Amino acid sequence: MNTLTWSEFEKVDIRVGTILLVEEFPQARNPSYKVTVDFGELGIKKTSAQITKNYSKNELIGKQILGVVNFPPKQIANFISEFLLTGFKDSTGEIVIATVDSLVPNGEKLI
């Protein structure tokens, strides 16, 4: 395992946001959704996420997620991803979204 200094960790900007919209993304190489999230003071941001196996579009609406918001934009097919939705692989290798267990204001930073 690599170790970080505290100052290195502080450079990673992980914020909580609420999913507003989930759309199919047939142009993606792997099965994915386009996910639109409200990050409060940071505004509305979009990403592509390979979460189609564990989540339906409808169950994602209103879910609070953790996203890394200070990566540069990345083009995925014909779409620009503006943040990284975080998660963990389950026992089958599919992504389970990292979330909070109580309501947190959108845009709050992980500390």
C-alpha atoms as a PDB file:
ATOM      1  CA  MET A   1       0.000   0.000   0.000  1.00  0.00           C
ATOM      2  CA  ASN A   2       1.273   3.477  -0.882  1.00  0.00           C
ATOM      3  CA  THR A   3       1.172   6.109   1.839  1.00  0.00           C
ATOM      4  CA  LEU A   4       0.225   9.772   1.443  1.00  0.00           C
ATOM      5  CA  THR A   5       1.076  12.840   3.405  1.00  0.00           C
ATOM      6  CA  TRP A   6      -1.806  14.795   4.891  1.00  0.00           C
ATOM      7  CA  SER A   7      -1.155  17.626   2.428  1.00  0.00           C
ATOM      8  CA  GLU A   8      -1.422  15.158  -0.489  1.00  0.00           C
ATOM      9  CA  PHE A   9      -4.767  13.876   0.806  1.00  0.00           C
ATOM     10  CA  GLU A  10      -6.068  17.424   1.195  1.00  0.00           C
ATOM     11  CA  LYS A  11      -5.616  17.931  -2.560  1.00  0.00           C
ATOM     12  CA  VAL A  12      -8.315  15.337  -3.289  1.00  0.00           C
ATOM     13  CA  ASP A  13     -11.645  17.190  -3.224  1.00  0.00           C
ATOM     14  CA  ILE A  14     -14.377  14.672  -2.377  1.00  0.00           C
ATOM     15  CA  ARG A  15     -17.850  16.168  -2.049  1.00  0.00           C
ATOM     16  CA  VAL A  16     -21.346  14.876  -1.412  1.00  0.00           C
ATOM     17  CA  GLY A  17     -24.034  15.482  -4.002  1.00  0.00           C
ATOM     18  CA  THR A  18     -27.555  14.379  -4.844  1.00  0.00           C
ATOM     19  CA  ILE A  19     -28.344  12.550  -8.076  1.00  0.00           C
ATOM     20  CA  LEU A  20     -30.874  14.534 -10.126  1.00  0.00           C
ATOM     21  CA  LEU A  21     -30.961  12.673 -13.440  1.00  0.00           C
ATOM     22  CA  VAL A  22     -29.812   9.309 -14.812  1.00  0.00           C
ATOM     23  CA  GLU A  23     -29.751   8.575 -18.540  1.00  0.00           C
ATOM     24  CA  GLU A  24     -28.784   5.605 -20.673  1.00  0.00           C
ATOM     25  CA  PHE A  25     -25.348   5.931 -22.315  1.00  0.00           C
ATOM     26  CA  PRO A  26     -25.312   3.534 -25.290  1.00  0.00           C
ATOM     27  CA  GLN A  27     -22.177   5.143 -26.796  1.00  0.00           C
ATOM     28  CA  ALA A  28     -20.017   4.095 -23.822  1.00  0.00           C
ATOM     29  CA  ARG A  29     -17.648   1.169 -24.348  1.00  0.00           C
ATOM     30  CA  ASN A  30     -18.945  -0.576 -21.199  1.00  0.00           C
ATOM     31  CA  PRO A  31     -22.553  -0.470 -19.937  1.00  0.00           C
ATOM     32  CA  SER A  32     -22.894   2.919 -18.231  1.00  0.00           C
ATOM     33  CA  TYR A  33     -25.261   5.673 -17.229  1.00  0.00           C
ATOM     34  CA  LYS A  34     -24.880   9.427 -17.635  1.00  0.00           C
ATOM     35  CA  VAL A  35     -25.413  10.764 -14.113  1.00  0.00           C
ATOM     36  CA  THR A  36     -26.236  14.394 -13.258  1.00  0.00           C
ATOM     37  CA  VAL A  37     -25.522  15.475  -9.667  1.00  0.00           C
ATOM     38  CA  ASP A  38     -26.197  18.610  -7.611  1.00  0.00           C
ATOM     39  CA  PHE A  39     -23.050  19.508  -5.663  1.00  0.00           C
ATOM     40  CA  GLY A  40     -24.554  22.577  -3.959  1.00  0.00           C
ATOM     41  CA  GLU A  41     -22.185  25.565  -4.130  1.00  0.00           C
ATOM     42  CA  LEU A  42     -20.147  23.778  -6.844  1.00  0.00           C
ATOM     43  CA  GLY A  43     -23.189  23.526  -9.092  1.00  0.00           C
ATOM     44  CA  ILE A  44     -24.532  20.724 -11.264  1.00  0.00           C
ATOM     45  CA  LYS A  45     -21.975  18.259 -12.641  1.00  0.00           C
ATOM     46  CA  LYS A  46     -22.225  15.217 -14.910  1.00  0.00           C
ATOM     47  CA  THR A  47     -20.328  11.955 -15.091  1.00  0.00           C
ATOM     48  CA  SER A  48     -20.410   8.560 -16.728  1.00  0.00           C
ATOM     49  CA  ALA A  49     -20.663   5.628 -14.330  1.00  0.00           C
ATOM     50  CA  GLN A  50     -20.500   1.871 -14.867  1.00  0.00           C
ATOM     51  CA  ILE A  51     -23.200   1.120 -12.301  1.00  0.00           C
ATOM     52  CA  THR A  52     -25.908  -0.433 -14.485  1.00  0.00           C
ATOM     53  CA  LYS A  53     -25.648  -3.929 -12.957  1.00  0.00           C
ATOM     54  CA  ASN A  54     -26.419  -2.930  -9.355  1.00  0.00           C
ATOM     55  CA  TYR A  55     -28.730   0.056  -9.886  1.00  0.00           C
ATOM     56  CA  SER A  56     -31.764   0.952 -11.950  1.00  0.00           C
ATOM     57  CA  LYS A  57     -32.068   4.534 -13.163  1.00  0.00           C
ATOM     58  CA  ASN A  58     -35.100   5.187 -10.953  1.00  0.00           C
ATOM     59  CA  GLU A  59     -33.527   3.982  -7.701  1.00  0.00           C
ATOM     60  CA  LEU A  60     -30.568   6.342  -8.185  1.00  0.00           C
ATOM     61  CA  ILE A  61     -32.656   9.535  -8.300  1.00  0.00           C
ATOM     62  CA  GLY A  62     -32.329  11.381  -4.966  1.00  0.00           C
ATOM     63  CA  LYS A  63     -29.434   9.206  -3.741  1.00  0.00           C
ATOM     64  CA  GLN A  64     -26.542  11.100  -2.182  1.00  0.00           C
ATOM     65  CA  ILE A  65     -23.137  10.056  -3.524  1.00  0.00           C
ATOM     66  CA  LEU A  66     -19.477  10.918  -2.974  1.00  0.00           C
ATOM     67  CA  GLY A  67     -17.631  12.371  -5.943  1.00  0.00           C
ATOM     68  CA  VAL A  68     -14.092  13.542  -6.630  1.00  0.00           C
ATOM     69  CA  VAL A  69     -14.718  16.966  -8.147  1.00  0.00           C
ATOM     70  CA  ASN A  70     -11.208  18.265  -8.871  1.00  0.00           C
ATOM     71  CA  PHE A  71     -10.083  15.961 -11.669  1.00  0.00           C
ATOM     72  CA  PRO A  72      -9.865  17.620 -15.100  1.00  0.00           C
ATOM     73  CA  PRO A  73     -12.830  16.944 -17.412  1.00  0.00           C
ATOM     74  CA  LYS A  74     -12.516  13.667 -19.318  1.00  0.00           C
ATOM     75  CA  GLN A  75     -14.105  12.804 -22.642  1.00  0.00           C
ATOM     76  CA  ILE A  76     -15.866   9.439 -22.724  1.00  0.00           C
ATOM     77  CA  ALA A  77     -17.249   8.716 -26.204  1.00  0.00           C
ATOM     78  CA  ASN A  78     -19.308  11.825 -27.076  1.00  0.00           C
ATOM     79  CA  PHE A  79     -19.685  12.938 -23.442  1.00  0.00           C
ATOM     80  CA  ILE A  80     -17.566  15.062 -21.050  1.00  0.00           C
ATOM     81  CA  SER A  81     -17.283  13.646 -17.532  1.00  0.00           C
ATOM     82  CA  GLU A  82     -16.853  16.384 -14.909  1.00  0.00           C
ATOM     83  CA  PHE A  83     -16.281  14.328 -11.740  1.00  0.00           C
ATOM     84  CA  LEU A  84     -15.549  10.788 -10.562  1.00  0.00           C
ATOM     85  CA  LEU A  85     -18.383   8.977  -8.835  1.00  0.00           C
ATOM     86  CA  THR A  86     -16.765   6.820  -6.135  1.00  0.00           C
ATOM     87  CA  GLY A  87     -17.561   3.259  -5.195  1.00  0.00           C
ATOM     88  CA  PHE A  88     -16.295  -0.203  -4.390  1.00  0.00           C
ATOM     89  CA  LYS A  89     -16.329  -3.499  -6.276  1.00  0.00           C
ATOM     90  CA  ASP A  90     -18.699  -6.093  -4.858  1.00  0.00           C
ATOM     91  CA  SER A  91     -18.015  -9.847  -4.815  1.00  0.00           C
ATOM     92  CA  THR A  92     -18.889 -10.079  -8.538  1.00  0.00           C
ATOM     93  CA  GLY A  93     -16.719  -7.108  -9.539  1.00  0.00           C
ATOM     94  CA  GLU A  94     -19.642  -4.711 -10.056  1.00  0.00           C
ATOM     95  CA  ILE A  95     -19.588  -1.203  -8.563  1.00  0.00           C
ATOM     96  CA  VAL A  96     -21.428  -0.305  -5.352  1.00  0.00           C
ATOM     97  CA  ILE A  97     -21.669   3.465  -4.919  1.00  0.00           C
ATOM     98  CA  ALA A  98     -19.975   5.164  -1.946  1.00  0.00           C
ATOM     99  CA  THR A  99     -22.634   7.145  -0.123  1.00  0.00           C
ATOM    100  CA  VAL A 100     -23.582   8.651   3.249  1.00  0.00           C
ATOM    101  CA  ASP A 101     -25.953   7.136   5.792  1.00  0.00           C
ATOM    102  CA  SER A 102     -27.548  10.449   6.850  1.00  0.00           C
ATOM    103  CA  LEU A 103     -28.617  13.494   4.840  1.00  0.00           C
ATOM    104  CA  VAL A 104     -25.690  15.892   4.300  1.00  0.00           C
ATOM    105  CA  PRO A 105     -25.840  19.324   2.592  1.00  0.00           C
ATOM    106  CA  ASN A 106     -24.901  19.066  -1.087  1.00  0.00           C
ATOM    107  CA  GLY A 107     -21.345  20.232  -1.675  1.00  0.00           C
ATOM    108  CA  GLU A 108     -20.092  19.302   1.799  1.00  0.00           C
ATOM    109  CA  LYS A 109     -16.436  18.242   1.647  1.00  0.00           C
ATOM    110  CA  LEU A 110     -15.162  14.927   2.997  1.00  0.00           C
ATOM    111  CA  ILE A 111     -12.833  15.623   5.917  1.00  0.00           C
END
